[in-house]
Amino acid sequence: MKPINDRRDELDRNLALIRRDIQYVLSTEQKQVAALRAQVSALGPSATLARGYAVVQVVPRDGSGPEVVTSYQQSPPGSQLRIRVGDGSITAAAMAAQPAD
């Protein structure tokens, strides 16, 4: 009976070691996922808007969806603009457009 009990004790120790190792791996991976989520959140557009930046979109007259303005040439005077900020959006009209100094 002693060899069986010894074997059972050895299995119990090995099972405890395996459980400990699994918990360690899970904890490490959970920390990494949390860090990556924080990084994605910090780099995401909503975080950028919350810091005071805005996204300017021009609303085409043909009714197609707005497009992000990347050049002053996209919004000649009279263009309808949608300005996205952290807590909403603003509708505006372009008064003038000129190149950078």
PDB file of N, CA and C in Angstrom:
ATOM      1  N   MET A   1       0.808  -1.198   0.000  1.00  0.00           N
ATOM      2  CA  MET A   1       0.000   0.000   0.000  1.00  0.00           C
ATOM      3  C   MET A   1       0.853   1.265   0.000  1.00  0.00           C
ATOM      4  N   LYS A   2       2.045   1.184   0.598  1.00  0.00           N
ATOM      5  CA  LYS A   2       2.933   2.346   0.648  1.00  0.00           C
ATOM      6  C   LYS A   2       3.320   2.841  -0.735  1.00  0.00           C
ATOM      7  N   PRO A   3       3.661   1.966  -1.705  1.00  0.00           N
ATOM      8  CA  PRO A   3       4.006   2.480  -3.038  1.00  0.00           C
ATOM      9  C   PRO A   3       2.850   3.247  -3.683  1.00  0.00           C
ATOM     10  N   ILE A   4       1.639   2.803  -3.446  1.00  0.00           N
ATOM     11  CA  ILE A   4       0.471   3.494  -4.009  1.00  0.00           C
ATOM     12  C   ILE A   4       0.316   4.865  -3.360  1.00  0.00           C
ATOM     13  N   ASN A   5       0.452   4.924  -2.038  1.00  0.00           N
ATOM     14  CA  ASN A   5       0.348   6.209  -1.330  1.00  0.00           C
ATOM     15  C   ASN A   5       1.465   7.163  -1.754  1.00  0.00           C
ATOM     16  N   ASP A   6       2.674   6.617  -1.916  1.00  0.00           N
ATOM     17  CA  ASP A   6       3.791   7.456  -2.371  1.00  0.00           C
ATOM     18  C   ASP A   6       3.507   8.023  -3.757  1.00  0.00           C
ATOM     19  N   ARG A   7       2.989   7.184  -4.625  1.00  0.00           N
ATOM     20  CA  ARG A   7       2.671   7.621  -5.989  1.00  0.00           C
ATOM     21  C   ARG A   7       1.569   8.684  -5.970  1.00  0.00           C
ATOM     22  N   ARG A   8       0.539   8.489  -5.114  1.00  0.00           N
ATOM     23  CA  ARG A   8      -0.543   9.467  -4.994  1.00  0.00           C
ATOM     24  C   ARG A   8       0.005  10.808  -4.497  1.00  0.00           C
ATOM     25  N   ASP A   9       0.906  10.761  -3.503  1.00  0.00           N
ATOM     26  CA  ASP A   9       1.509  12.000  -2.996  1.00  0.00           C
ATOM     27  C   ASP A   9       2.313  12.716  -4.088  1.00  0.00           C
ATOM     28  N   GLU A  10       3.046  11.922  -4.868  1.00  0.00           N
ATOM     29  CA  GLU A  10       3.828  12.499  -5.964  1.00  0.00           C
ATOM     30  C   GLU A  10       2.902  13.153  -7.001  1.00  0.00           C
ATOM     31  N   LEU A  11       1.803  12.501  -7.327  1.00  0.00           N
ATOM     32  CA  LEU A  11       0.834  13.062  -8.273  1.00  0.00           C
ATOM     33  C   LEU A  11       0.212  14.338  -7.722  1.00  0.00           C
ATOM     34  N   ASP A  12      -0.111  14.341  -6.433  1.00  0.00           N
ATOM     35  CA  ASP A  12      -0.682  15.546  -5.811  1.00  0.00           C
ATOM     36  C   ASP A  12       0.303  16.716  -5.875  1.00  0.00           C
ATOM     37  N   ARG A  13       1.590  16.446  -5.615  1.00  0.00           N
ATOM     38  CA  ARG A  13       2.604  17.505  -5.699  1.00  0.00           C
ATOM     39  C   ARG A  13       2.725  18.018  -7.128  1.00  0.00           C
ATOM     40  N   ASN A  14       2.754  17.080  -8.074  1.00  0.00           N
ATOM     41  CA  ASN A  14       2.874  17.486  -9.478  1.00  0.00           C
ATOM     42  C   ASN A  14       1.651  18.292  -9.925  1.00  0.00           C
ATOM     43  N   LEU A  15       0.478  17.881  -9.484  1.00  0.00           N
ATOM     44  CA  LEU A  15      -0.738  18.618  -9.823  1.00  0.00           C
ATOM     45  C   LEU A  15      -0.693  20.033  -9.238  1.00  0.00           C
ATOM     46  N   ALA A  16      -0.219  20.171  -8.021  1.00  0.00           N
ATOM     47  CA  ALA A  16      -0.097  21.492  -7.399  1.00  0.00           C
ATOM     48  C   ALA A  16       0.898  22.355  -8.167  1.00  0.00           C
ATOM     49  N   LEU A  17       2.000  21.771  -8.613  1.00  0.00           N
ATOM     50  CA  LEU A  17       2.987  22.525  -9.397  1.00  0.00           C
ATOM     51  C   LEU A  17       2.407  22.964 -10.737  1.00  0.00           C
ATOM     52  N   ILE A  18       1.681  22.076 -11.377  1.00  0.00           N
ATOM     53  CA  ILE A  18       1.055  22.410 -12.665  1.00  0.00           C
ATOM     54  C   ILE A  18       0.054  23.543 -12.477  1.00  0.00           C
ATOM     55  N   ARG A  19      -0.765  23.479 -11.448  1.00  0.00           N
ATOM     56  CA  ARG A  19      -1.742  24.542 -11.179  1.00  0.00           C
ATOM     57  C   ARG A  19      -1.042  25.873 -10.915  1.00  0.00           C
ATOM     58  N   ARG A  20       0.040  25.834 -10.164  1.00  0.00           N
ATOM     59  CA  ARG A  20       0.797  27.059  -9.881  1.00  0.00           C
ATOM     60  C   ARG A  20       1.348  27.657 -11.169  1.00  0.00           C
ATOM     61  N   ASP A  21       1.906  26.792 -12.026  1.00  0.00           N
ATOM     62  CA  ASP A  21       2.460  27.268 -13.296  1.00  0.00           C
ATOM     63  C   ASP A  21       1.380  27.859 -14.193  1.00  0.00           C
ATOM     64  N   ILE A  22       0.225  27.216 -14.238  1.00  0.00           N
ATOM     65  CA  ILE A  22      -0.882  27.730 -15.057  1.00  0.00           C
ATOM     66  C   ILE A  22      -1.342  29.083 -14.527  1.00  0.00           C
ATOM     67  N   GLN A  23      -1.456  29.224 -13.221  1.00  0.00           N
ATOM     68  CA  GLN A  23      -1.857  30.505 -12.631  1.00  0.00           C
ATOM     69  C   GLN A  23      -0.841  31.602 -12.962  1.00  0.00           C
ATOM     70  N   TYR A  24       0.434  31.256 -12.929  1.00  0.00           N
ATOM     71  CA  TYR A  24       1.482  32.229 -13.257  1.00  0.00           C
ATOM     72  C   TYR A  24       1.356  32.678 -14.713  1.00  0.00           C
ATOM     73  N   VAL A  25       1.189  31.724 -15.621  1.00  0.00           N
ATOM     74  CA  VAL A  25       1.061  32.060 -17.040  1.00  0.00           C
ATOM     75  C   VAL A  25      -0.187  32.914 -17.266  1.00  0.00           C
ATOM     76  N   LEU A  26      -1.301  32.538 -16.666  1.00  0.00           N
ATOM     77  CA  LEU A  26      -2.533  33.321 -16.823  1.00  0.00           C
ATOM     78  C   LEU A  26      -2.355  34.737 -16.283  1.00  0.00           C
ATOM     79  N   SER A  27      -1.740  34.861 -15.138  1.00  0.00           N
ATOM     80  CA  SER A  27      -1.528  36.186 -14.547  1.00  0.00           C
ATOM     81  C   SER A  27      -0.638  37.044 -15.441  1.00  0.00           C
ATOM     82  N   THR A  28       0.416  36.462 -15.952  1.00  0.00           N
ATOM     83  CA  THR A  28       1.322  37.188 -16.841  1.00  0.00           C
ATOM     84  C   THR A  28       0.606  37.629 -18.110  1.00  0.00           C
ATOM     85  N   GLU A  29      -0.171  36.754 -18.699  1.00  0.00           N
ATOM     86  CA  GLU A  29      -0.888  37.079 -19.934  1.00  0.00           C
ATOM     87  C   GLU A  29      -1.970  38.133 -19.679  1.00  0.00           C
ATOM     88  N   GLN A  30      -2.651  38.058 -18.531  1.00  0.00           N
ATOM     89  CA  GLN A  30      -3.666  39.056 -18.207  1.00  0.00           C
ATOM     90  C   GLN A  30      -3.040  40.443 -18.054  1.00  0.00           C
ATOM     91  N   LYS A  31      -1.862  40.507 -17.455  1.00  0.00           N
ATOM     92  CA  LYS A  31      -1.163  41.779 -17.311  1.00  0.00           C
ATOM     93  C   LYS A  31      -0.766  42.326 -18.677  1.00  0.00           C
ATOM     94  N   GLN A  32      -0.325  41.443 -19.560  1.00  0.00           N
ATOM     95  CA  GLN A  32       0.071  41.885 -20.898  1.00  0.00           C
ATOM     96  C   GLN A  32      -1.145  42.389 -21.683  1.00  0.00           C
ATOM     97  N   VAL A  33      -2.269  41.690 -21.580  1.00  0.00           N
ATOM     98  CA  VAL A  33      -3.488  42.130 -22.263  1.00  0.00           C
ATOM     99  C   VAL A  33      -3.926  43.489 -21.725  1.00  0.00           C
ATOM    100  N   ALA A  34      -3.869  43.667 -20.418  1.00  0.00           N
ATOM    101  CA  ALA A  34      -4.253  44.956 -19.821  1.00  0.00           C
ATOM    102  C   ALA A  34      -3.343  46.078 -20.312  1.00  0.00           C
ATOM    103  N   ALA A  35      -2.056  45.806 -20.403  1.00  0.00           N
ATOM    104  CA  ALA A  35      -1.116  46.825 -20.883  1.00  0.00           C
ATOM    105  C   ALA A  35      -1.388  47.165 -22.345  1.00  0.00           C
ATOM    106  N   LEU A  36      -1.673  46.162 -23.160  1.00  0.00           N
ATOM    107  CA  LEU A  36      -1.970  46.405 -24.572  1.00  0.00           C
ATOM    108  C   LEU A  36      -3.275  47.171 -24.740  1.00  0.00           C
ATOM    109  N   ARG A  37      -4.276  46.852 -23.929  1.00  0.00           N
ATOM    110  CA  ARG A  37      -5.539  47.596 -23.986  1.00  0.00           C
ATOM    111  C   ARG A  37      -5.328  49.061 -23.642  1.00  0.00           C
ATOM    112  N   ALA A  38      -4.525  49.304 -22.618  1.00  0.00           N
ATOM    113  CA  ALA A  38      -4.250  50.687 -22.223  1.00  0.00           C
ATOM    114  C   ALA A  38      -3.523  51.426 -23.345  1.00  0.00           C
ATOM    115  N   GLN A  39      -2.610  50.730 -24.004  1.00  0.00           N
ATOM    116  CA  GLN A  39      -1.868  51.344 -25.104  1.00  0.00           C
ATOM    117  C   GLN A  39      -2.796  51.669 -26.277  1.00  0.00           C
ATOM    118  N   VAL A  40      -3.673  50.736 -26.621  1.00  0.00           N
ATOM    119  CA  VAL A  40      -4.622  50.958 -27.719  1.00  0.00           C
ATOM    120  C   VAL A  40      -5.556  52.113 -27.371  1.00  0.00           C
ATOM    121  N   SER A  41      -6.004  52.143 -26.133  1.00  0.00           N
ATOM    122  CA  SER A  41      -6.896  53.219 -25.700  1.00  0.00           C
ATOM    123  C   SER A  41      -6.205  54.577 -25.792  1.00  0.00           C
ATOM    124  N   ALA A  42      -4.950  54.634 -25.373  1.00  0.00           N
ATOM    125  CA  ALA A  42      -4.220  55.900 -25.389  1.00  0.00           C
ATOM    126  C   ALA A  42      -3.958  56.378 -26.814  1.00  0.00           C
ATOM    127  N   LEU A  43      -3.823  55.439 -27.742  1.00  0.00           N
ATOM    128  CA  LEU A  43      -3.524  55.806 -29.124  1.00  0.00           C
ATOM    129  C   LEU A  43      -4.777  55.959 -29.979  1.00  0.00           C
ATOM    130  N   GLY A  44      -5.928  55.603 -29.435  1.00  0.00           N
ATOM    131  CA  GLY A  44      -7.169  55.633 -30.206  1.00  0.00           C
ATOM    132  C   GLY A  44      -7.656  57.046 -30.483  1.00  0.00           C
ATOM    133  N   PRO A  45      -8.510  57.173 -31.484  1.00  0.00           N
ATOM    134  CA  PRO A  45      -9.007  58.501 -31.864  1.00  0.00           C
ATOM    135  C   PRO A  45      -9.786  59.201 -30.758  1.00  0.00           C
ATOM    136  N   SER A  46     -10.553  58.469 -29.971  1.00  0.00           N
ATOM    137  CA  SER A  46     -11.335  59.136 -28.922  1.00  0.00           C
ATOM    138  C   SER A  46     -10.428  59.747 -27.858  1.00  0.00           C
ATOM    139  N   ALA A  47      -9.307  59.100 -27.560  1.00  0.00           N
ATOM    140  CA  ALA A  47      -8.361  59.669 -26.592  1.00  0.00           C
ATOM    141  C   ALA A  47      -7.717  60.926 -27.157  1.00  0.00           C
ATOM    142  N   THR A  48      -7.438  60.920 -28.444  1.00  0.00           N
ATOM    143  CA  THR A  48      -6.857  62.100 -29.087  1.00  0.00           C
ATOM    144  C   THR A  48      -7.844  63.265 -29.033  1.00  0.00           C
ATOM    145  N   LEU A  49      -9.110  62.990 -29.322  1.00  0.00           N
ATOM    146  CA  LEU A  49     -10.132  64.039 -29.263  1.00  0.00           C
ATOM    147  C   LEU A  49     -10.297  64.554 -27.836  1.00  0.00           C
ATOM    148  N   ALA A  50     -10.221  63.663 -26.869  1.00  0.00           N
ATOM    149  CA  ALA A  50     -10.371  64.070 -25.470  1.00  0.00           C
ATOM    150  C   ALA A  50      -9.236  64.984 -25.025  1.00  0.00           C
ATOM    151  N   ARG A  51      -8.094  64.899 -25.692  1.00  0.00           N
ATOM    152  CA  ARG A  51      -6.960  65.773 -25.350  1.00  0.00           C
ATOM    153  C   ARG A  51      -7.085  67.153 -25.983  1.00  0.00           C
ATOM    154  N   GLY A  52      -8.152  67.399 -26.739  1.00  0.00           N
ATOM    155  CA  GLY A  52      -8.374  68.730 -27.288  1.00  0.00           C
ATOM    156  C   GLY A  52      -8.193  68.847 -28.786  1.00  0.00           C
ATOM    157  N   TYR A  53      -7.872  67.750 -29.430  1.00  0.00           N
ATOM    158  CA  TYR A  53      -7.744  67.801 -30.882  1.00  0.00           C
ATOM    159  C   TYR A  53      -9.118  67.638 -31.520  1.00  0.00           C
ATOM    160  N   ALA A  54      -9.210  67.934 -32.807  1.00  0.00           N
ATOM    161  CA  ALA A  54     -10.468  67.804 -33.531  1.00  0.00           C
ATOM    162  C   ALA A  54     -10.199  67.143 -34.877  1.00  0.00           C
ATOM    163  N   VAL A  55     -11.225  66.526 -35.422  1.00  0.00           N
ATOM    164  CA  VAL A  55     -11.164  65.959 -36.768  1.00  0.00           C
ATOM    165  C   VAL A  55     -12.133  66.763 -37.618  1.00  0.00           C
ATOM    166  N   VAL A  56     -11.627  67.333 -38.695  1.00  0.00           N
ATOM    167  CA  VAL A  56     -12.462  68.143 -39.588  1.00  0.00           C
ATOM    168  C   VAL A  56     -12.804  67.297 -40.808  1.00  0.00           C
ATOM    169  N   GLN A  57     -14.099  67.242 -41.105  1.00  0.00           N
ATOM    170  CA  GLN A  57     -14.579  66.513 -42.273  1.00  0.00           C
ATOM    171  C   GLN A  57     -15.357  67.466 -43.160  1.00  0.00           C
ATOM    172  N   VAL A  58     -15.243  67.290 -44.453  1.00  0.00           N
ATOM    173  CA  VAL A  58     -16.040  68.065 -45.392  1.00  0.00           C
ATOM    174  C   VAL A  58     -17.203  67.181 -45.813  1.00  0.00           C
ATOM    175  N   VAL A  59     -18.386  67.777 -45.848  1.00  0.00           N
ATOM    176  CA  VAL A  59     -19.586  67.044 -46.241  1.00  0.00           C
ATOM    177  C   VAL A  59     -19.838  67.339 -47.721  1.00  0.00           C
ATOM    178  N   PRO A  60     -19.636  66.361 -48.589  1.00  0.00           N
ATOM    179  CA  PRO A  60     -19.828  66.606 -50.026  1.00  0.00           C
ATOM    180  C   PRO A  60     -21.277  66.968 -50.355  1.00  0.00           C
ATOM    181  N   ARG A  61     -21.444  67.782 -51.352  1.00  0.00           N
ATOM    182  CA  ARG A  61     -22.793  68.218 -51.755  1.00  0.00           C
ATOM    183  C   ARG A  61     -23.595  67.089 -52.381  1.00  0.00           C
ATOM    184  N   ASP A  62     -22.922  66.047 -52.848  1.00  0.00           N
ATOM    185  CA  ASP A  62     -23.638  64.940 -53.504  1.00  0.00           C
ATOM    186  C   ASP A  62     -24.293  63.989 -52.504  1.00  0.00           C
ATOM    187  N   GLY A  63     -24.145  64.273 -51.211  1.00  0.00           N
ATOM    188  CA  GLY A  63     -24.798  63.454 -50.192  1.00  0.00           C
ATOM    189  C   GLY A  63     -24.000  62.236 -49.766  1.00  0.00           C
ATOM    190  N   SER A  64     -22.848  62.016 -50.379  1.00  0.00           N
ATOM    191  CA  SER A  64     -22.021  60.891 -49.942  1.00  0.00           C
ATOM    192  C   SER A  64     -21.463  61.211 -48.555  1.00  0.00           C
ATOM    193  N   GLY A  65     -20.892  60.237 -47.920  1.00  0.00           N
ATOM    194  CA  GLY A  65     -20.404  60.412 -46.560  1.00  0.00           C
ATOM    195  C   GLY A  65     -19.290  61.430 -46.453  1.00  0.00           C
ATOM    196  N   PRO A  66     -19.133  62.015 -45.259  1.00  0.00           N
ATOM    197  CA  PRO A  66     -18.087  63.018 -45.063  1.00  0.00           C
ATOM    198  C   PRO A  66     -16.699  62.385 -45.202  1.00  0.00           C
ATOM    199  N   GLU A  67     -15.744  63.206 -45.642  1.00  0.00           N
ATOM    200  CA  GLU A  67     -14.371  62.722 -45.737  1.00  0.00           C
ATOM    201  C   GLU A  67     -13.477  63.640 -44.925  1.00  0.00           C
ATOM    202  N   VAL A  68     -12.453  63.050 -44.339  1.00  0.00           N
ATOM    203  CA  VAL A  68     -11.535  63.813 -43.494  1.00  0.00           C
ATOM    204  C   VAL A  68     -10.762  64.799 -44.350  1.00  0.00           C
ATOM    205  N   VAL A  69     -10.681  66.024 -43.864  1.00  0.00           N
ATOM    206  CA  VAL A  69      -9.951  67.082 -44.569  1.00  0.00           C
ATOM    207  C   VAL A  69      -8.467  66.938 -44.238  1.00  0.00           C
ATOM    208  N   THR A  70      -7.677  66.721 -45.284  1.00  0.00           N
ATOM    209  CA  THR A  70      -6.226  66.627 -45.105  1.00  0.00           C
ATOM    210  C   THR A  70      -5.507  67.747 -45.853  1.00  0.00           C
ATOM    211  N   SER A  71      -6.259  68.521 -46.639  1.00  0.00           N
ATOM    212  CA  SER A  71      -5.690  69.638 -47.399  1.00  0.00           C
ATOM    213  C   SER A  71      -6.712  70.765 -47.450  1.00  0.00           C
ATOM    214  N   TYR A  72      -6.219  71.981 -47.392  1.00  0.00           N
ATOM    215  CA  TYR A  72      -7.127  73.137 -47.462  1.00  0.00           C
ATOM    216  C   TYR A  72      -7.919  73.139 -48.773  1.00  0.00           C
ATOM    217  N   GLN A  73      -7.377  72.509 -49.804  1.00  0.00           N
ATOM    218  CA  GLN A  73      -8.042  72.485 -51.103  1.00  0.00           C
ATOM    219  C   GLN A  73      -9.335  71.670 -51.092  1.00  0.00           C
ATOM    220  N   GLN A  74      -9.495  70.834 -50.082  1.00  0.00           N
ATOM    221  CA  GLN A  74     -10.717  70.022 -49.984  1.00  0.00           C
ATOM    222  C   GLN A  74     -11.917  70.819 -49.498  1.00  0.00           C
ATOM    223  N   SER A  75     -11.690  71.997 -48.947  1.00  0.00           N
ATOM    224  CA  SER A  75     -12.799  72.761 -48.377  1.00  0.00           C
ATOM    225  C   SER A  75     -12.785  74.206 -48.865  1.00  0.00           C
ATOM    226  N   PRO A  76     -13.183  74.416 -50.109  1.00  0.00           N
ATOM    227  CA  PRO A  76     -13.249  75.789 -50.615  1.00  0.00           C
ATOM    228  C   PRO A  76     -14.336  76.566 -49.862  1.00  0.00           C
ATOM    229  N   PRO A  77     -14.308  77.890 -49.945  1.00  0.00           N
ATOM    230  CA  PRO A  77     -15.324  78.696 -49.261  1.00  0.00           C
ATOM    231  C   PRO A  77     -16.738  78.194 -49.575  1.00  0.00           C
ATOM    232  N   GLY A  78     -17.548  78.125 -48.542  1.00  0.00           N
ATOM    233  CA  GLY A  78     -18.918  77.655 -48.676  1.00  0.00           C
ATOM    234  C   GLY A  78     -19.086  76.171 -48.398  1.00  0.00           C
ATOM    235  N   SER A  79     -17.993  75.434 -48.272  1.00  0.00           N
ATOM    236  CA  SER A  79     -18.089  73.996 -47.987  1.00  0.00           C
ATOM    237  C   SER A  79     -18.699  73.788 -46.606  1.00  0.00           C
ATOM    238  N   GLN A  80     -19.519  72.760 -46.496  1.00  0.00           N
ATOM    239  CA  GLN A  80     -20.065  72.406 -45.188  1.00  0.00           C
ATOM    240  C   GLN A  80     -19.064  71.493 -44.495  1.00  0.00           C
ATOM    241  N   LEU A  81     -18.741  71.838 -43.248  1.00  0.00           N
ATOM    242  CA  LEU A  81     -17.756  71.088 -42.482  1.00  0.00           C
ATOM    243  C   LEU A  81     -18.404  70.446 -41.259  1.00  0.00           C
ATOM    244  N   ARG A  82     -17.910  69.304 -40.911  1.00  0.00           N
ATOM    245  CA  ARG A  82     -18.292  68.639 -39.658  1.00  0.00           C
ATOM    246  C   ARG A  82     -17.022  68.546 -38.835  1.00  0.00           C
ATOM    247  N   ILE A  83     -17.035  69.160 -37.661  1.00  0.00           N
ATOM    248  CA  ILE A  83     -15.860  69.177 -36.797  1.00  0.00           C
ATOM    249  C   ILE A  83     -16.143  68.266 -35.602  1.00  0.00           C
ATOM    250  N   ARG A  84     -15.422  67.173 -35.545  1.00  0.00           N
ATOM    251  CA  ARG A  84     -15.605  66.217 -34.450  1.00  0.00           C
ATOM    252  C   ARG A  84     -14.657  66.556 -33.309  1.00  0.00           C
ATOM    253  N   VAL A  85     -15.229  66.686 -32.111  1.00  0.00           N
ATOM    254  CA  VAL A  85     -14.461  66.946 -30.899  1.00  0.00           C
ATOM    255  C   VAL A  85     -14.764  65.836 -29.904  1.00  0.00           C
ATOM    256  N   GLY A  86     -14.149  65.911 -28.741  1.00  0.00           N
ATOM    257  CA  GLY A  86     -14.260  64.831 -27.767  1.00  0.00           C
ATOM    258  C   GLY A  86     -15.667  64.472 -27.350  1.00  0.00           C
ATOM    259  N   ASP A  87     -16.540  65.445 -27.250  1.00  0.00           N
ATOM    260  CA  ASP A  87     -17.878  65.154 -26.736  1.00  0.00           C
ATOM    261  C   ASP A  87     -19.005  65.391 -27.746  1.00  0.00           C
ATOM    262  N   GLY A  88     -18.664  65.483 -29.032  1.00  0.00           N
ATOM    263  CA  GLY A  88     -19.713  65.668 -30.034  1.00  0.00           C
ATOM    264  C   GLY A  88     -19.154  66.187 -31.341  1.00  0.00           C
ATOM    265  N   SER A  89     -20.006  66.894 -32.071  1.00  0.00           N
ATOM    266  CA  SER A  89     -19.554  67.454 -33.350  1.00  0.00           C
ATOM    267  C   SER A  89     -20.189  68.815 -33.573  1.00  0.00           C
ATOM    268  N   ILE A  90     -19.560  69.579 -34.440  1.00  0.00           N
ATOM    269  CA  ILE A  90     -19.987  70.939 -34.759  1.00  0.00           C
ATOM    270  C   ILE A  90     -20.143  71.027 -36.271  1.00  0.00           C
ATOM    271  N   THR A  91     -21.234  71.614 -36.707  1.00  0.00           N
ATOM    272  CA  THR A  91     -21.418  71.862 -38.135  1.00  0.00           C
ATOM    273  C   THR A  91     -21.003  73.304 -38.405  1.00  0.00           C
ATOM    274  N   ALA A  92     -20.206  73.481 -39.448  1.00  0.00           N
ATOM    275  CA  ALA A  92     -19.707  74.820 -39.768  1.00  0.00           C
ATOM    276  C   ALA A  92     -19.602  74.965 -41.285  1.00  0.00           C
ATOM    277  N   ALA A  93     -19.355  76.175 -41.709  1.00  0.00           N
ATOM    278  CA  ALA A  93     -19.134  76.443 -43.131  1.00  0.00           C
ATOM    279  C   ALA A  93     -17.763  77.084 -43.289  1.00  0.00           C
ATOM    280  N   ALA A  94     -17.069  76.688 -44.336  1.00  0.00           N
ATOM    281  CA  ALA A  94     -15.749  77.269 -44.594  1.00  0.00           C
ATOM    282  C   ALA A  94     -15.924  78.697 -45.107  1.00  0.00           C
ATOM    283  N   MET A  95     -15.207  79.610 -44.499  1.00  0.00           N
ATOM    284  CA  MET A  95     -15.256  81.013 -44.904  1.00  0.00           C
ATOM    285  C   MET A  95     -14.182  81.315 -45.945  1.00  0.00           C
ATOM    286  N   ALA A  96     -13.026  80.727 -45.742  1.00  0.00           N
ATOM    287  CA  ALA A  96     -11.890  80.919 -46.646  1.00  0.00           C
ATOM    288  C   ALA A  96     -10.963  79.720 -46.499  1.00  0.00           C
ATOM    289  N   ALA A  97     -10.147  79.508 -47.499  1.00  0.00           N
ATOM    290  CA  ALA A  97      -9.163  78.429 -47.463  1.00  0.00           C
ATOM    291  C   ALA A  97      -7.881  78.933 -48.095  1.00  0.00           C
ATOM    292  N   GLN A  98      -6.783  78.736 -47.406  1.00  0.00           N
ATOM    293  CA  GLN A  98      -5.509  79.216 -47.944  1.00  0.00           C
ATOM    294  C   GLN A  98      -4.391  78.267 -47.532  1.00  0.00           C
ATOM    295  N   PRO A  99      -3.307  78.221 -48.292  1.00  0.00           N
ATOM    296  CA  PRO A  99      -2.194  77.339 -47.951  1.00  0.00           C
ATOM    297  C   PRO A  99      -1.469  77.830 -46.705  1.00  0.00           C
ATOM    298  N   ALA A 100      -0.705  76.943 -46.124  1.00  0.00           N
ATOM    299  CA  ALA A 100       0.091  77.300 -44.934  1.00  0.00           C
ATOM    300  C   ALA A 100       1.156  78.312 -45.306  1.00  0.00           C
ATOM    301  N   ASP A 101       1.503  79.132 -44.344  1.00  0.00           N
ATOM    302  CA  ASP A 101       2.543  80.154 -44.573  1.00  0.00           C
ATOM    303  C   ASP A 101       3.902  79.512 -44.702  1.00  0.00           C
TER     304      ASP A 101
END
